[in-house]
Amino acid sequence: MSARGEVSGIVRRNLAFILYAMRKVLLLLIGVIFSMKGVAQINVRINYDNKSKEVSLFLKNESNKLYVFRPIETYNGYEFLSSITFSYKDREGNLLYETYSLIYEFQHYYYQSMGQAWHLEPYAENKYVYNLENRNDSVYAVDIWVKIDARIIAELVEGKSVSTSGTYKTELRKQILLE
C-alpha cells in the first residue's frame, strides 16, 4: 500500500469519527432543547354552555406537586396572580367592556365544600364556573384569557407530602362566539 493510500485511509477514518461525534452532539442538543420545554404540569381547558351562558374552566394537575393559586401581598403589590379576563367585543372586534377576577373566586361549589378554593392537589382536577354577564346586546364574542401563576408548596413522594418550593406559569387564550 502506498503512502498516499495510507493517508487517505486515515483521513476517511477520521472523517467518519468526526461525523459520528457531530451526530451524537446534535442528538444530545435536541434532547436538551426538548427537555427544557417540558410537559405541561397544569392542563388548562375551557368549555362553554350556550344555553346557560356559563364558562367552565378546568385545571388538571398532571404532576405530583401541590399548587397554590392564592396571591401574596408584597411591597410592590401582589405576586402569583392566577386570573381570568373576559373581553366582550362587538362584530367588528371593538372592545365593549372587560371583567377580571382571580380564578378561585368562582370555584365550583363541590370543590369549595372540600376546602380546595386556593389550591390544586397532585393529579386532581378543579372546576371553576363563570356566568358571562352580557350587559350589552351588541356583544358578539368574548375573548377569554387565563393566566396561571401558581406557587408550588409541596410534592407527593412515595405517598407522603414533602415540603418544597417553586413556581409554575402558563396561559391560555380562547374566543367564544355568542349566539
C-alpha atoms as a PDB file:
ATOM      1  CA  MET A   1       0.000   0.000   0.000  1.00  0.00           C
ATOM      2  CA  SER A   2       1.344   3.354  -0.939  1.00  0.00           C
ATOM      3  CA  ALA A   3       1.788   6.308   1.399  1.00  0.00           C
ATOM      4  CA  ARG A   4      -0.951   8.108  -0.455  1.00  0.00           C
ATOM      5  CA  GLY A   5      -3.437   5.252   0.106  1.00  0.00           C
ATOM      6  CA  GLU A   6      -2.477   5.040   3.781  1.00  0.00           C
ATOM      7  CA  VAL A   7      -3.101   8.793   4.256  1.00  0.00           C
ATOM      8  CA  SER A   8      -6.488   8.644   2.516  1.00  0.00           C
ATOM      9  CA  GLY A   9      -7.499   5.696   4.769  1.00  0.00           C
ATOM     10  CA  ILE A  10      -6.579   7.702   7.877  1.00  0.00           C
ATOM     11  CA  VAL A  11      -8.484  10.721   6.575  1.00  0.00           C
ATOM     12  CA  ARG A  12     -11.568   8.565   5.891  1.00  0.00           C
ATOM     13  CA  ARG A  13     -11.473   7.053   9.391  1.00  0.00           C
ATOM     14  CA  ASN A  14     -11.024  10.485  10.998  1.00  0.00           C
ATOM     15  CA  LEU A  15     -13.816  11.941   8.896  1.00  0.00           C
ATOM     16  CA  ALA A  16     -16.128   9.055   9.833  1.00  0.00           C
ATOM     17  CA  PHE A  17     -15.302   9.590  13.520  1.00  0.00           C
ATOM     18  CA  ILE A  18     -15.916  13.349  13.256  1.00  0.00           C
ATOM     19  CA  LEU A  19     -19.293  12.779  11.570  1.00  0.00           C
ATOM     20  CA  TYR A  20     -20.224  10.206  14.231  1.00  0.00           C
ATOM     21  CA  ALA A  21     -19.277  12.631  17.029  1.00  0.00           C
ATOM     22  CA  MET A  22     -21.188  15.516  15.399  1.00  0.00           C
ATOM     23  CA  ARG A  23     -24.298  13.330  15.095  1.00  0.00           C
ATOM     24  CA  LYS A  24     -24.091  12.412  18.795  1.00  0.00           C
ATOM     25  CA  VAL A  25     -23.668  16.063  19.819  1.00  0.00           C
ATOM     26  CA  LEU A  26     -26.624  17.095  17.640  1.00  0.00           C
ATOM     27  CA  LEU A  27     -28.853  14.404  19.173  1.00  0.00           C
ATOM     28  CA  LEU A  28     -27.775  15.484  22.654  1.00  0.00           C
ATOM     29  CA  LEU A  29     -28.581  19.139  21.895  1.00  0.00           C
ATOM     30  CA  ILE A  30     -32.011  18.212  20.508  1.00  0.00           C
ATOM     31  CA  GLY A  31     -32.722  16.191  23.654  1.00  0.00           C
ATOM     32  CA  VAL A  32     -31.689  19.079  25.907  1.00  0.00           C
ATOM     33  CA  ILE A  33     -33.820  21.581  23.994  1.00  0.00           C
ATOM     34  CA  PHE A  34     -36.939  19.391  24.129  1.00  0.00           C
ATOM     35  CA  SER A  35     -36.443  18.546  27.799  1.00  0.00           C
ATOM     36  CA  MET A  36     -36.203  22.262  28.623  1.00  0.00           C
ATOM     37  CA  LYS A  37     -39.625  22.828  27.082  1.00  0.00           C
ATOM     38  CA  GLY A  38     -41.057  20.161  29.349  1.00  0.00           C
ATOM     39  CA  VAL A  39     -44.527  18.778  29.689  1.00  0.00           C
ATOM     40  CA  ALA A  40     -47.494  20.834  30.848  1.00  0.00           C
ATOM     41  CA  GLN A  41     -47.834  20.411  34.582  1.00  0.00           C
ATOM     42  CA  ILE A  42     -51.278  22.017  34.680  1.00  0.00           C
ATOM     43  CA  ASN A  43     -53.618  21.220  31.811  1.00  0.00           C
ATOM     44  CA  VAL A  44     -55.990  24.163  31.172  1.00  0.00           C
ATOM     45  CA  ARG A  45     -59.317  23.542  29.402  1.00  0.00           C
ATOM     46  CA  ILE A  46     -62.321  25.819  28.767  1.00  0.00           C
ATOM     47  CA  ASN A  47     -65.881  24.724  27.938  1.00  0.00           C
ATOM     48  CA  TYR A  48     -68.818  26.983  27.094  1.00  0.00           C
ATOM     49  CA  ASP A  49     -72.526  26.151  27.526  1.00  0.00           C
ATOM     50  CA  ASN A  50     -74.534  28.332  25.139  1.00  0.00           C
ATOM     51  CA  LYS A  51     -77.849  27.705  26.934  1.00  0.00           C
ATOM     52  CA  SER A  52     -76.751  28.632  30.454  1.00  0.00           C
ATOM     53  CA  LYS A  53     -74.114  31.141  29.242  1.00  0.00           C
ATOM     54  CA  GLU A  54     -71.622  29.540  31.601  1.00  0.00           C
ATOM     55  CA  VAL A  55     -67.907  29.147  31.016  1.00  0.00           C
ATOM     56  CA  SER A  56     -66.293  26.229  32.821  1.00  0.00           C
ATOM     57  CA  LEU A  57     -62.564  26.367  33.438  1.00  0.00           C
ATOM     58  CA  PHE A  58     -60.902  23.051  34.219  1.00  0.00           C
ATOM     59  CA  LEU A  59     -57.395  22.892  35.691  1.00  0.00           C
ATOM     60  CA  LYS A  60     -55.938  19.382  35.790  1.00  0.00           C
ATOM     61  CA  ASN A  61     -52.749  18.775  37.713  1.00  0.00           C
ATOM     62  CA  GLU A  62     -50.601  16.371  35.691  1.00  0.00           C
ATOM     63  CA  SER A  63     -47.832  16.221  38.303  1.00  0.00           C
ATOM     64  CA  ASN A  64     -47.112  15.189  41.884  1.00  0.00           C
ATOM     65  CA  LYS A  65     -46.888  18.836  43.012  1.00  0.00           C
ATOM     66  CA  LEU A  66     -49.316  20.831  45.185  1.00  0.00           C
ATOM     67  CA  TYR A  67     -50.105  24.229  43.613  1.00  0.00           C
ATOM     68  CA  VAL A  68     -51.467  27.278  45.428  1.00  0.00           C
ATOM     69  CA  PHE A  69     -53.351  29.988  43.500  1.00  0.00           C
ATOM     70  CA  ARG A  70     -53.740  32.463  46.356  1.00  0.00           C
ATOM     71  CA  PRO A  71     -51.729  35.651  45.704  1.00  0.00           C
ATOM     72  CA  ILE A  72     -49.134  37.035  48.104  1.00  0.00           C
ATOM     73  CA  GLU A  73     -49.066  40.722  49.001  1.00  0.00           C
ATOM     74  CA  THR A  74     -45.597  42.276  48.673  1.00  0.00           C
ATOM     75  CA  TYR A  75     -44.228  45.805  48.843  1.00  0.00           C
ATOM     76  CA  ASN A  76     -44.736  46.024  45.041  1.00  0.00           C
ATOM     77  CA  GLY A  77     -48.373  44.901  45.167  1.00  0.00           C
ATOM     78  CA  TYR A  78     -49.380  41.293  44.648  1.00  0.00           C
ATOM     79  CA  GLU A  79     -47.468  38.321  43.260  1.00  0.00           C
ATOM     80  CA  PHE A  80     -48.754  34.980  41.983  1.00  0.00           C
ATOM     81  CA  LEU A  81     -51.991  36.324  40.485  1.00  0.00           C
ATOM     82  CA  SER A  82     -53.799  33.463  38.760  1.00  0.00           C
ATOM     83  CA  SER A  83     -56.577  35.240  36.913  1.00  0.00           C
ATOM     84  CA  ILE A  84     -59.206  35.088  34.207  1.00  0.00           C
ATOM     85  CA  THR A  85     -60.152  38.030  31.991  1.00  0.00           C
ATOM     86  CA  PHE A  86     -63.253  38.269  29.811  1.00  0.00           C
ATOM     87  CA  SER A  87     -63.120  40.826  26.990  1.00  0.00           C
ATOM     88  CA  TYR A  88     -66.557  41.457  25.456  1.00  0.00           C
ATOM     89  CA  LYS A  89     -66.424  42.551  21.799  1.00  0.00           C
ATOM     90  CA  ASP A  90     -68.825  43.585  19.052  1.00  0.00           C
ATOM     91  CA  ARG A  91     -68.980  42.160  15.489  1.00  0.00           C
ATOM     92  CA  GLU A  92     -66.148  44.443  14.337  1.00  0.00           C
ATOM     93  CA  GLY A  93     -63.861  43.285  17.166  1.00  0.00           C
ATOM     94  CA  ASN A  94     -64.162  46.527  19.141  1.00  0.00           C
ATOM     95  CA  LEU A  95     -63.808  46.145  22.897  1.00  0.00           C
ATOM     96  CA  LEU A  96     -67.079  46.962  24.676  1.00  0.00           C
ATOM     97  CA  TYR A  97     -66.010  46.124  28.241  1.00  0.00           C
ATOM     98  CA  GLU A  98     -63.870  43.733  30.296  1.00  0.00           C
ATOM     99  CA  THR A  99     -64.222  41.801  33.536  1.00  0.00           C
ATOM    100  CA  TYR A 100     -61.350  40.385  35.559  1.00  0.00           C
ATOM    101  CA  SER A 101     -61.182  38.069  38.567  1.00  0.00           C
ATOM    102  CA  LEU A 102     -58.896  35.702  40.397  1.00  0.00           C
ATOM    103  CA  ILE A 103     -59.618  32.175  39.213  1.00  0.00           C
ATOM    104  CA  TYR A 104     -60.505  30.728  42.597  1.00  0.00           C
ATOM    105  CA  GLU A 105     -63.235  33.305  43.243  1.00  0.00           C
ATOM    106  CA  PHE A 106     -65.668  31.244  41.139  1.00  0.00           C
ATOM    107  CA  GLN A 107     -64.703  27.741  42.094  1.00  0.00           C
ATOM    108  CA  HIS A 108     -67.410  25.130  41.643  1.00  0.00           C
ATOM    109  CA  TYR A 109     -69.417  24.539  44.856  1.00  0.00           C
ATOM    110  CA  TYR A 110     -68.231  20.915  45.110  1.00  0.00           C
ATOM    111  CA  TYR A 111     -64.597  21.976  45.419  1.00  0.00           C
ATOM    112  CA  GLN A 112     -65.376  24.866  47.742  1.00  0.00           C
ATOM    113  CA  SER A 113     -67.076  22.482  50.171  1.00  0.00           C
ATOM    114  CA  MET A 114     -63.929  20.333  50.159  1.00  0.00           C
ATOM    115  CA  GLY A 115     -61.782  23.378  51.021  1.00  0.00           C
ATOM    116  CA  GLN A 116     -59.910  23.407  47.710  1.00  0.00           C
ATOM    117  CA  ALA A 117     -60.593  27.034  46.841  1.00  0.00           C
ATOM    118  CA  TRP A 118     -56.954  28.102  46.643  1.00  0.00           C
ATOM    119  CA  HIS A 119     -55.003  25.020  45.684  1.00  0.00           C
ATOM    120  CA  LEU A 120     -54.747  22.159  43.197  1.00  0.00           C
ATOM    121  CA  GLU A 121     -53.877  18.748  44.613  1.00  0.00           C
ATOM    122  CA  PRO A 122     -51.465  16.365  42.840  1.00  0.00           C
ATOM    123  CA  TYR A 123     -53.164  14.552  39.920  1.00  0.00           C
ATOM    124  CA  ALA A 124     -56.509  16.251  40.698  1.00  0.00           C
ATOM    125  CA  GLU A 125     -58.777  18.500  38.631  1.00  0.00           C
ATOM    126  CA  ASN A 126     -60.508  21.683  39.782  1.00  0.00           C
ATOM    127  CA  LYS A 127     -63.535  23.193  38.076  1.00  0.00           C
ATOM    128  CA  TYR A 128     -64.359  26.906  38.062  1.00  0.00           C
ATOM    129  CA  VAL A 129     -67.688  28.197  36.688  1.00  0.00           C
ATOM    130  CA  TYR A 130     -68.225  31.753  35.397  1.00  0.00           C
ATOM    131  CA  ASN A 131     -71.515  33.246  34.220  1.00  0.00           C
ATOM    132  CA  LEU A 132     -70.981  35.516  31.237  1.00  0.00           C
ATOM    133  CA  GLU A 133     -72.652  38.776  32.077  1.00  0.00           C
ATOM    134  CA  ASN A 134     -73.937  40.232  28.861  1.00  0.00           C
ATOM    135  CA  ARG A 135     -74.564  43.891  29.716  1.00  0.00           C
ATOM    136  CA  ASN A 136     -74.934  44.898  26.108  1.00  0.00           C
ATOM    137  CA  ASP A 137     -76.905  43.488  23.165  1.00  0.00           C
ATOM    138  CA  SER A 138     -74.002  44.414  20.864  1.00  0.00           C
ATOM    139  CA  VAL A 139     -71.767  41.676  22.315  1.00  0.00           C
ATOM    140  CA  TYR A 140     -70.830  39.218  19.599  1.00  0.00           C
ATOM    141  CA  ALA A 141     -67.741  37.491  21.028  1.00  0.00           C
ATOM    142  CA  VAL A 142     -65.920  37.058  24.301  1.00  0.00           C
ATOM    143  CA  ASP A 143     -62.146  36.668  24.448  1.00  0.00           C
ATOM    144  CA  ILE A 144     -61.044  34.649  27.464  1.00  0.00           C
ATOM    145  CA  TRP A 145     -57.524  34.940  28.829  1.00  0.00           C
ATOM    146  CA  VAL A 146     -56.468  32.573  31.621  1.00  0.00           C
ATOM    147  CA  LYS A 147     -53.165  33.306  33.355  1.00  0.00           C
ATOM    148  CA  ILE A 148     -51.830  30.776  35.845  1.00  0.00           C
ATOM    149  CA  ASP A 149     -49.069  31.965  38.169  1.00  0.00           C
ATOM    150  CA  ALA A 150     -49.040  29.342  40.906  1.00  0.00           C
ATOM    151  CA  ARG A 151     -46.743  28.614  43.795  1.00  0.00           C
ATOM    152  CA  ILE A 152     -45.536  25.064  44.396  1.00  0.00           C
ATOM    153  CA  ILE A 153     -45.520  24.367  48.128  1.00  0.00           C
ATOM    154  CA  ALA A 154     -45.229  20.566  48.302  1.00  0.00           C
ATOM    155  CA  GLU A 155     -44.903  17.429  46.253  1.00  0.00           C
ATOM    156  CA  LEU A 156     -46.116  13.892  46.735  1.00  0.00           C
ATOM    157  CA  VAL A 157     -43.190  11.480  47.183  1.00  0.00           C
ATOM    158  CA  GLU A 158     -43.924   7.812  47.885  1.00  0.00           C
ATOM    159  CA  GLY A 159     -47.393   8.719  49.165  1.00  0.00           C
ATOM    160  CA  LYS A 160     -46.146  11.420  51.549  1.00  0.00           C
ATOM    161  CA  SER A 161     -46.295  15.191  51.204  1.00  0.00           C
ATOM    162  CA  VAL A 162     -42.817  16.725  51.175  1.00  0.00           C
ATOM    163  CA  SER A 163     -42.355  20.485  51.528  1.00  0.00           C
ATOM    164  CA  THR A 164     -40.774  22.160  48.508  1.00  0.00           C
ATOM    165  CA  SER A 165     -40.924  25.483  46.695  1.00  0.00           C
ATOM    166  CA  GLY A 166     -41.125  26.757  43.157  1.00  0.00           C
ATOM    167  CA  THR A 167     -43.469  28.396  40.677  1.00  0.00           C
ATOM    168  CA  TYR A 168     -45.378  27.430  37.559  1.00  0.00           C
ATOM    169  CA  LYS A 169     -46.726  29.771  34.875  1.00  0.00           C
ATOM    170  CA  THR A 170     -48.890  29.147  31.839  1.00  0.00           C
ATOM    171  CA  GLU A 171     -51.534  30.959  29.776  1.00  0.00           C
ATOM    172  CA  LEU A 172     -54.481  30.090  27.573  1.00  0.00           C
ATOM    173  CA  ARG A 173     -56.490  32.338  25.266  1.00  0.00           C
ATOM    174  CA  LYS A 174     -59.789  31.358  23.674  1.00  0.00           C
ATOM    175  CA  GLN A 175     -62.594  33.176  21.884  1.00  0.00           C
ATOM    176  CA  ILE A 176     -66.268  32.303  22.269  1.00  0.00           C
ATOM    177  CA  LEU A 177     -68.890  33.489  19.786  1.00  0.00           C
ATOM    178  CA  LEU A 178     -72.219  34.295  21.450  1.00  0.00           C
ATOM    179  CA  GLU A 179     -75.354  33.365  19.537  1.00  0.00           C
END
